[in-house]
């Protein structure tokens, strides 16, 4: 479990978080509700979503799931707001009016009066970090969220935000969601310079801070699972992850898979869930077979030497 502590509340998050990020139509909604049941039946308790996903349909579906399963109190819920307008990803919506509107709309769709974790999409480096902390502090102290964090922020801004929070007795940022998987990539390869990807330098800072990370794209579009099975990658996976270094890591994934009996998908996820850094791997899936494969990673463990081998090829 990851302990998220903002100085006011604590939230315990699992190392494997289900993030059903798209629905689109009623058929998909039914399918993803089944996936939510599969995840919780396997012992899962952490669910990640956002106001922007599928125009709000994802939150509405999860709200229906809470209502019909009567399990809201058993789930650590994360949702996100403040996403830039689709027409201009560099246009900030981190002002108080937009952020409070987003979280209230999220809670209405989710059929709950609070979220355990609330994250802000993207950063606006031109905005004084104290103004953002003030908004998140209000969200916590009015009971809309237990703890708050950020998504796609660099660690220098998180450090500055928490220095302000400490100085002014505000709730601190206690979790960060960024692109992180065993398969390395960059914002340039993702073709979105508003995204933040884990780098060696950022990792060292996270380790120093011991700041929990929620890793999105944790399965790298199925990069390891598909190539290990001899399947072709889709265009996005090729563009984002097909590099010489990641192909070397693929060979190490296959070696660990053969040694442990874990599937390549589970090995790649365990790189995150068993990492020395406190990480929750946010995953999604499109088929029940993918879900069942992913869930084998929930209680699997890899030691520190194996984690190091997967990343660097040495123990």
Protein backbone atom coordinates (compact mmCIF):
# COMPACT_ATOMS: atom_id res chain seq x y z
CA UNK A 1 0.00 0.00 0.00
CA UNK A 2 1.03 3.61 -0.63
CA UNK A 3 0.43 6.07 2.18
CA UNK A 4 -0.79 9.44 0.89
CA UNK A 5 -0.47 11.99 3.70
CA UNK A 6 -1.23 15.68 3.22
CA UNK A 7 -0.80 16.66 6.85
CA UNK A 8 -4.57 16.53 7.44
CA UNK A 9 -5.73 13.15 6.13
CA UNK A 10 -4.11 9.87 5.17
CA UNK A 11 -5.25 7.63 2.32
CA UNK A 12 -3.93 4.11 1.68
CA UNK A 13 -3.74 3.34 -2.05
CA UNK A 14 -3.04 -0.03 -3.61
CA UNK A 15 -0.02 -0.57 -5.81
CA UNK A 16 -2.29 -1.59 -8.72
CA UNK A 17 -5.00 0.91 -9.63
CA UNK A 18 -7.70 0.29 -12.24
CA UNK A 19 -8.15 3.28 -14.53
CA UNK A 20 -11.08 2.68 -16.91
CA UNK A 21 -10.47 5.78 -18.99
CA UNK A 22 -12.92 5.45 -21.89
CA UNK A 23 -16.45 4.23 -22.43
CA UNK A 24 -17.94 5.86 -25.50
CA UNK A 25 -21.20 3.91 -25.73
CA UNK A 26 -23.52 1.65 -23.74
CA UNK A 27 -21.82 -1.55 -24.92
CA UNK A 28 -18.46 -0.35 -23.66
CA UNK A 29 -20.03 0.90 -20.45
CA UNK A 30 -21.39 -2.58 -19.67
CA UNK A 31 -18.01 -4.10 -20.47
CA UNK A 32 -16.09 -1.77 -18.19
CA UNK A 33 -18.55 -2.27 -15.35
CA UNK A 34 -17.69 -5.96 -15.66
CA UNK A 35 -14.00 -5.04 -15.50
CA UNK A 36 -14.60 -3.03 -12.32
CA UNK A 37 -16.23 -6.09 -10.77
CA UNK A 38 -13.36 -8.31 -11.88
CA UNK A 39 -10.85 -5.93 -10.33
CA UNK A 40 -12.62 -5.71 -6.98
CA UNK A 41 -13.39 -9.44 -6.92
CA UNK A 42 -9.61 -9.96 -7.13
CA UNK A 43 -9.11 -7.69 -4.11
CA UNK A 44 -8.60 -4.38 -5.87
CA UNK A 45 -9.67 -1.21 -4.07
CA UNK A 46 -8.19 1.74 -6.05
CA UNK A 47 -9.96 3.29 -9.04
CA UNK A 48 -8.73 6.23 -11.14
CA UNK A 49 -10.79 8.41 -13.47
CA UNK A 50 -11.15 12.04 -14.63
CA UNK A 51 -13.77 14.59 -15.59
CA UNK A 52 -12.41 14.76 -19.13
CA UNK A 53 -12.59 11.02 -19.88
CA UNK A 54 -15.24 10.27 -22.51
CA UNK A 55 -16.89 13.63 -21.89
CA UNK A 56 -17.80 12.62 -18.34
CA UNK A 57 -19.24 9.21 -19.25
CA UNK A 58 -16.52 7.35 -17.37
CA UNK A 59 -17.35 9.10 -14.11
CA UNK A 60 -21.06 8.51 -14.70
CA UNK A 61 -20.48 4.80 -15.21
CA UNK A 62 -18.40 4.52 -12.05
CA UNK A 63 -21.12 6.44 -10.21
CA UNK A 64 -23.68 3.91 -11.42
CA UNK A 65 -21.35 1.13 -10.28
CA UNK A 66 -21.09 2.69 -6.80
CA UNK A 67 -24.86 3.05 -6.64
CA UNK A 68 -25.68 -0.50 -7.73
CA UNK A 69 -22.85 -2.26 -5.88
CA UNK A 70 -23.14 -0.05 -2.77
CA UNK A 71 -19.36 -0.17 -2.39
CA UNK A 72 -18.27 3.47 -2.37
CA UNK A 73 -16.83 3.14 1.14
CA UNK A 74 -14.64 0.24 0.01
CA UNK A 75 -12.98 2.09 -2.88
CA UNK A 76 -10.11 4.57 -2.87
CA UNK A 77 -11.36 6.88 -5.60
CA UNK A 78 -9.12 9.21 -7.62
CA UNK A 79 -10.47 11.71 -10.12
CA UNK A 80 -8.92 14.64 -11.92
CA UNK A 81 -9.91 18.10 -13.13
CA UNK A 82 -8.53 21.34 -14.49
CA UNK A 83 -7.80 19.79 -17.88
CA UNK A 84 -6.96 22.34 -20.60
CA UNK A 85 -9.50 22.85 -23.40
CA UNK A 86 -9.04 20.32 -26.21
CA UNK A 87 -8.51 23.17 -28.67
CA UNK A 88 -5.42 24.46 -26.84
CA UNK A 89 -3.53 22.20 -24.45
CA UNK A 90 -1.43 25.16 -23.31
CA UNK A 91 -4.44 27.18 -22.13
CA UNK A 92 -4.70 26.82 -18.36
CA UNK A 93 -7.91 26.06 -16.49
CA UNK A 94 -6.33 26.01 -13.05
CA UNK A 95 -8.19 29.05 -11.75
CA UNK A 96 -10.43 28.56 -8.71
CA UNK A 97 -13.71 28.83 -10.65
CA UNK A 98 -12.85 26.12 -13.17
CA UNK A 99 -11.26 23.74 -10.67
CA UNK A 100 -14.15 23.95 -8.21
CA UNK A 101 -16.65 23.57 -11.05
CA UNK A 102 -14.85 20.49 -12.31
CA UNK A 103 -14.69 18.72 -8.97
CA UNK A 104 -18.33 19.44 -8.19
CA UNK A 105 -19.37 18.10 -11.60
CA UNK A 106 -17.18 15.04 -11.00
CA UNK A 107 -18.76 14.30 -7.63
CA UNK A 108 -22.25 14.70 -9.10
CA UNK A 109 -21.46 12.21 -11.88
CA UNK A 110 -19.75 9.82 -9.46
CA UNK A 111 -22.77 9.97 -7.12
CA UNK A 112 -20.63 10.71 -4.08
CA UNK A 113 -19.97 13.76 -1.92
CA UNK A 114 -16.18 13.37 -1.81
CA UNK A 115 -13.25 11.83 -3.63
CA UNK A 116 -10.38 10.24 -1.74
CA UNK A 117 -7.77 11.73 -4.08
CA UNK A 118 -8.11 14.75 -6.36
CA UNK A 119 -5.50 15.57 -9.00
CA UNK A 120 -5.03 18.53 -11.31
CA UNK A 121 -4.33 17.77 -14.97
CA UNK A 122 -1.25 19.56 -16.24
CA UNK A 123 0.57 22.54 -14.77
CA UNK A 124 0.68 26.22 -15.65
CA UNK A 125 4.19 27.36 -14.82
CA UNK A 126 3.19 30.99 -15.34
CA UNK A 127 0.73 30.70 -12.44
CA UNK A 128 2.19 31.25 -8.95
CA UNK A 129 2.29 27.86 -7.29
CA UNK A 130 0.81 29.30 -4.10
CA UNK A 131 -2.44 30.15 -5.89
CA UNK A 132 -2.82 26.52 -6.91
CA UNK A 133 -2.02 25.24 -3.41
CA UNK A 134 -4.66 27.59 -1.99
CA UNK A 135 -7.30 26.05 -4.28
CA UNK A 136 -6.33 22.49 -3.38
CA UNK A 137 -6.26 23.37 0.30
CA UNK A 138 -9.82 24.70 0.02
CA UNK A 139 -10.90 21.46 -1.66
CA UNK A 140 -9.48 19.43 1.23
CA UNK A 141 -10.72 21.64 4.04
CA UNK A 142 -14.26 21.83 2.64
CA UNK A 143 -14.41 18.02 2.46
CA UNK A 144 -14.57 17.63 -1.33
CA UNK A 145 -11.41 15.51 -1.26
CA UNK A 146 -9.34 13.86 1.44
CA UNK A 147 -5.99 14.49 -0.26
CA UNK A 148 -4.85 16.26 -3.40
CA UNK A 149 -2.06 15.87 -5.88
CA UNK A 150 -1.01 16.79 -9.40
CA UNK A 151 -0.69 15.19 -12.80
CA UNK A 152 2.07 16.00 -15.31
CA UNK A 153 4.02 18.31 -13.02
CA UNK A 154 7.79 18.48 -12.73
CA UNK A 155 9.22 17.85 -9.29
CA UNK A 156 10.64 21.37 -8.96
CA UNK A 157 7.09 22.74 -8.96
CA UNK A 158 5.93 20.11 -6.45
CA UNK A 159 8.80 21.03 -4.13
CA UNK A 160 7.91 24.72 -4.43
CA UNK A 161 4.23 23.97 -3.82
CA UNK A 162 4.94 21.99 -0.68
CA UNK A 163 7.33 24.63 0.63
CA UNK A 164 4.48 27.13 0.27
CA UNK A 165 2.04 24.70 1.91
CA UNK A 166 4.32 24.23 4.90
CA UNK A 167 4.93 27.96 5.27
CA UNK A 168 1.21 28.82 5.14
CA UNK A 169 -0.22 25.78 6.96
CA UNK A 170 -1.91 24.40 3.85
CA UNK A 171 -2.60 20.81 2.80
CA UNK A 172 0.42 19.57 0.88
CA UNK A 173 0.60 17.77 -2.43
CA UNK A 174 1.09 14.11 -1.56
CA UNK A 175 0.92 12.22 -4.88
CA UNK A 176 1.99 12.81 -8.48
CA UNK A 177 0.65 11.11 -11.60
CA UNK A 178 3.02 10.97 -14.59
CA UNK A 179 3.87 8.74 -17.55
CA UNK A 180 6.01 5.95 -16.11
CA UNK A 181 6.61 2.38 -17.20
CA UNK A 182 9.46 -0.01 -17.82
CA UNK A 183 9.32 1.16 -21.45
CA UNK A 184 10.92 4.59 -21.63
CA UNK A 185 9.43 7.38 -23.71
CA UNK A 186 9.48 11.17 -23.98
CA UNK A 187 6.94 13.97 -24.47
CA UNK A 188 8.39 14.36 -27.97
CA UNK A 189 7.65 10.74 -28.84
CA UNK A 190 4.19 11.17 -27.29
CA UNK A 191 3.72 14.31 -29.41
CA UNK A 192 2.45 16.27 -26.40
CA UNK A 193 4.85 18.61 -24.64
CA UNK A 194 2.37 19.15 -21.79
CA UNK A 195 2.93 15.58 -20.59
CA UNK A 196 5.63 14.65 -18.08
CA UNK A 197 7.53 11.36 -18.35
CA UNK A 198 9.73 9.78 -15.72
CA UNK A 199 13.43 10.43 -16.28
CA UNK A 200 16.50 9.41 -14.32
CA UNK A 201 16.75 12.89 -12.79
CA UNK A 202 13.07 13.01 -11.86
CA UNK A 203 13.27 9.49 -10.42
CA UNK A 204 16.18 10.48 -8.18
CA UNK A 205 14.19 13.44 -6.88
CA UNK A 206 11.10 11.32 -6.27
CA UNK A 207 13.25 8.87 -4.34
CA UNK A 208 14.71 11.67 -2.23
CA UNK A 209 11.22 13.00 -1.51
CA UNK A 210 9.68 9.51 -1.20
CA UNK A 211 6.69 11.07 -2.94
CA UNK A 212 4.17 8.48 -4.15
CA UNK A 213 3.70 8.25 -7.91
CA UNK A 214 0.66 7.09 -9.85
CA UNK A 215 2.10 5.73 -13.10
CA UNK A 216 -0.13 6.15 -16.15
CA UNK A 217 0.60 4.24 -19.38
CA UNK A 218 2.02 1.63 -17.03
CA UNK A 219 1.75 -1.10 -19.68
CA UNK A 220 3.14 1.08 -22.50
CA UNK A 221 0.27 0.26 -24.84
CA UNK A 222 0.98 -3.45 -24.41
CA UNK A 223 4.54 -3.06 -25.71
CA UNK A 224 6.06 -5.98 -23.80
CA UNK A 225 3.01 -8.25 -23.84
CA UNK A 226 2.42 -7.94 -27.57
CA UNK A 227 6.03 -8.29 -28.71
CA UNK A 228 6.65 -11.20 -26.34
CA UNK A 229 3.64 -12.96 -27.89
CA UNK A 230 4.90 -12.28 -31.42
CA UNK A 231 2.11 -9.81 -32.13
CA UNK A 232 2.48 -6.58 -34.08
CA UNK A 233 2.38 -3.28 -32.26
CA UNK A 234 -0.23 -0.73 -33.12
CA UNK A 235 0.96 2.58 -34.56
CA UNK A 236 0.84 4.52 -31.29
CA UNK A 237 2.85 1.91 -29.42
CA UNK A 238 5.42 1.87 -32.22
CA UNK A 239 5.74 5.64 -32.28
CA UNK A 240 5.95 5.98 -28.51
CA UNK A 241 7.95 2.98 -27.34
CA UNK A 242 9.79 1.17 -30.15
CA UNK A 243 13.41 2.03 -29.29
CA UNK A 244 16.64 0.06 -29.06
CA UNK A 245 16.71 0.43 -25.27
CA UNK A 246 13.12 -0.78 -24.86
CA UNK A 247 13.83 -3.79 -27.08
CA UNK A 248 16.72 -4.68 -24.75
CA UNK A 249 14.33 -4.42 -21.82
CA UNK A 250 11.91 -6.69 -23.67
CA UNK A 251 14.54 -9.44 -23.71
CA UNK A 252 15.01 -9.01 -19.97
CA UNK A 253 11.24 -9.13 -19.43
CA UNK A 254 11.11 -12.42 -21.31
CA UNK A 255 13.96 -13.78 -19.20
CA UNK A 256 12.25 -12.85 -15.93
CA UNK A 257 8.96 -14.20 -17.25
CA UNK A 258 10.58 -17.56 -17.99
CA UNK A 259 12.26 -17.62 -14.57
CA UNK A 260 9.21 -16.65 -12.50
CA UNK A 261 6.29 -18.00 -14.51
CA UNK A 262 4.73 -14.54 -14.58
CA UNK A 263 3.44 -13.27 -17.90
CA UNK A 264 5.41 -10.50 -19.65
CA UNK A 265 2.56 -8.08 -18.87
CA UNK A 266 2.72 -8.98 -15.18
CA UNK A 267 6.50 -8.65 -15.11
CA UNK A 268 6.31 -5.15 -16.61
CA UNK A 269 3.69 -4.13 -14.05
CA UNK A 270 5.68 -5.63 -11.17
CA UNK A 271 8.59 -3.41 -12.19
CA UNK A 272 6.34 -0.59 -10.93
CA UNK A 273 4.39 -2.23 -8.12
CA UNK A 274 7.57 -3.66 -6.53
CA UNK A 275 9.71 -0.61 -7.22
CA UNK A 276 11.71 0.94 -4.35
CA UNK A 277 9.84 4.15 -5.16
CA UNK A 278 6.25 4.12 -3.83
CA UNK A 279 4.31 3.57 -7.07
CA UNK A 280 0.75 2.66 -7.95
CA UNK A 281 0.53 1.38 -11.52
CA UNK A 282 -2.62 2.71 -13.21
CA UNK A 283 -3.82 0.21 -15.81
CA UNK A 284 -6.70 -0.33 -18.17
CA UNK A 285 -7.70 -3.15 -20.50
CA UNK A 286 -9.96 -3.93 -23.42
CA UNK A 287 -10.68 -7.62 -22.95
CA UNK A 288 -11.39 -9.96 -20.05
CA UNK A 289 -8.28 -11.94 -21.01
CA UNK A 290 -6.16 -8.80 -20.62
CA UNK A 291 -7.80 -8.08 -17.27
CA UNK A 292 -7.16 -11.60 -15.98
CA UNK A 293 -3.54 -11.41 -17.13
CA UNK A 294 -3.03 -8.02 -15.47
CA UNK A 295 -4.57 -9.15 -12.20
CA UNK A 296 -1.89 -11.83 -11.82
CA UNK A 297 0.43 -8.94 -10.93
CA UNK A 298 -1.70 -7.86 -7.96
CA UNK A 299 -0.05 -10.15 -5.42
CA UNK A 300 3.13 -11.02 -7.32
CA UNK A 301 6.51 -9.81 -6.08
CA UNK A 302 9.92 -9.19 -7.62
CA UNK A 303 12.98 -8.44 -5.54
CA UNK A 304 15.11 -5.31 -5.81
CA UNK A 305 17.81 -7.05 -7.84
CA UNK A 306 15.26 -8.18 -10.41
CA UNK A 307 13.80 -4.68 -10.66
CA UNK A 308 17.30 -3.35 -11.27
CA UNK A 309 17.97 -6.06 -13.86
CA UNK A 310 14.79 -5.22 -15.77
CA UNK A 311 15.75 -1.57 -16.01
CA UNK A 312 19.52 -1.66 -16.34
CA UNK A 313 20.50 -5.21 -17.18
CA UNK A 314 22.59 -5.57 -14.03
CA UNK A 315 21.92 -6.83 -10.53
